[in-house]
Amino acid sequence: MEFRIAVEAEEDIELARLFYEAEARGLGERFHADVLATLDHIGLWPKGFQLRWLHYRFAPLAVFPFHIIYSLEGDFIVVHRIHHMHQRPLRRYFGAQG
């Protein structure tokens, strides 16, 4: 399956990467590598994460306290957002309880 990454998800990645890089040199790149590794895992097993709400799946990163919010749409894996686990992304970004 091919990935489609929403502009909002790209912005989420960049903001988090910049935040971590400001905390410690190299930490931003470690965050980015964690995101890429999780995307690789999703690519291998797109249905490997439970549906959390309607058709959205949440894949946690291995090291950093973030998750990738994605859905399967036809032949594509659509990455909608990447957020810290303590945020309430469903309510804030999708208008639902979550």
Protein backbone atom coordinates (compact mmCIF):
# COMPACT_ATOMS: atom_id res chain seq x y z
CA MET A 1 0.00 0.00 0.00
CA GLU A 2 1.07 3.55 -0.68
CA PHE A 3 1.10 6.35 1.87
CA ARG A 4 -0.64 9.68 1.60
CA ILE A 5 0.45 12.05 4.33
CA ALA A 6 -1.78 15.02 5.09
CA VAL A 7 -0.20 18.46 5.27
CA GLU A 8 -1.31 18.64 8.92
CA ALA A 9 0.60 15.43 9.69
CA GLU A 10 3.73 16.79 8.03
CA GLU A 11 3.39 19.94 10.14
CA ASP A 12 2.90 17.84 13.29
CA ILE A 13 6.12 15.94 12.57
CA GLU A 14 8.12 19.10 11.92
CA LEU A 15 6.86 20.91 15.03
CA ALA A 16 7.64 17.95 17.27
CA ARG A 17 11.04 17.45 15.62
CA LEU A 18 11.94 21.11 16.19
CA PHE A 19 10.75 20.93 19.80
CA TYR A 20 12.88 17.87 20.55
CA GLU A 21 15.88 19.30 18.73
CA ALA A 22 15.64 22.42 20.91
CA GLU A 23 15.65 20.16 23.98
CA ALA A 24 18.83 18.28 23.00
CA ARG A 25 20.96 18.13 19.90
CA GLY A 26 20.10 15.05 17.85
CA LEU A 27 16.86 14.33 19.70
CA GLY A 28 14.78 15.78 16.86
CA GLU A 29 16.39 13.36 14.42
CA ARG A 30 15.73 10.47 16.80
CA PHE A 31 12.07 11.49 16.89
CA HIS A 32 11.95 11.60 13.08
CA ALA A 33 13.58 8.16 12.88
CA ASP A 34 10.96 6.82 15.32
CA VAL A 35 8.19 8.20 13.08
CA LEU A 36 9.73 6.59 10.00
CA ALA A 37 10.14 3.24 11.76
CA THR A 38 6.48 3.31 12.82
CA LEU A 39 5.41 4.19 9.28
CA ASP A 40 7.45 1.22 8.01
CA HIS A 41 5.61 -1.00 10.50
CA ILE A 42 2.24 0.37 9.37
CA GLY A 43 3.24 -0.24 5.75
CA LEU A 44 3.98 -3.89 6.49
CA TRP A 45 0.86 -4.48 8.61
CA PRO A 46 -1.68 -1.77 7.77
CA LYS A 47 -4.45 -3.52 9.72
CA GLY A 48 -2.12 -4.26 12.63
CA PHE A 49 -3.58 -1.55 14.85
CA GLN A 50 -7.10 -1.61 16.22
CA LEU A 51 -9.79 0.69 14.96
CA ARG A 52 -10.18 3.33 17.65
CA TRP A 53 -12.98 5.43 16.23
CA LEU A 54 -14.88 4.83 12.99
CA HIS A 55 -12.11 4.09 10.47
CA TYR A 56 -9.17 5.71 12.31
CA ARG A 57 -6.31 3.61 13.65
CA PHE A 58 -3.74 4.81 16.19
CA ALA A 59 -0.17 3.51 15.99
CA PRO A 60 2.08 4.44 18.93
CA LEU A 61 5.70 5.35 18.30
CA ALA A 62 8.19 2.98 19.91
CA VAL A 63 10.20 5.57 21.86
CA PHE A 64 8.42 8.91 21.94
CA PRO A 65 4.95 9.45 23.51
CA PHE A 66 3.20 10.11 20.21
CA HIS A 67 0.86 8.16 17.99
CA ILE A 68 0.17 8.21 14.27
CA ILE A 69 -3.50 8.58 13.38
CA TYR A 70 -4.19 6.91 10.06
CA SER A 71 -6.90 5.23 8.02
CA LEU A 72 -7.05 2.78 5.15
CA GLU A 73 -8.72 4.26 2.09
CA GLY A 74 -8.70 2.05 -0.98
CA ASP A 75 -5.11 1.25 -1.87
CA PHE A 76 -3.75 4.01 0.37
CA ILE A 77 -2.70 4.44 3.96
CA VAL A 78 -3.73 8.00 4.80
CA VAL A 79 -1.82 9.57 7.69
CA HIS A 80 -4.05 12.27 9.17
CA ARG A 81 -2.20 13.51 12.26
CA ILE A 82 0.72 12.74 14.56
CA HIS A 83 0.07 13.76 18.13
CA HIS A 84 1.27 13.49 21.67
CA MET A 85 -0.56 10.73 23.52
CA HIS A 86 -1.90 13.13 26.15
CA GLN A 87 -3.75 15.26 23.61
CA ARG A 88 -7.35 14.46 22.70
CA PRO A 89 -7.06 14.39 18.91
CA LEU A 90 -10.44 12.87 18.13
CA ARG A 91 -12.35 15.58 19.93
CA ARG A 92 -10.10 18.40 18.80
CA TYR A 93 -9.54 17.44 15.18
CA PHE A 94 -12.38 15.14 14.22
CA GLY A 95 -15.25 16.51 16.31
CA ALA A 96 -15.76 13.38 18.42
CA GLN A 97 -15.13 12.08 21.90
CA GLY A 98 -11.79 10.34 22.20
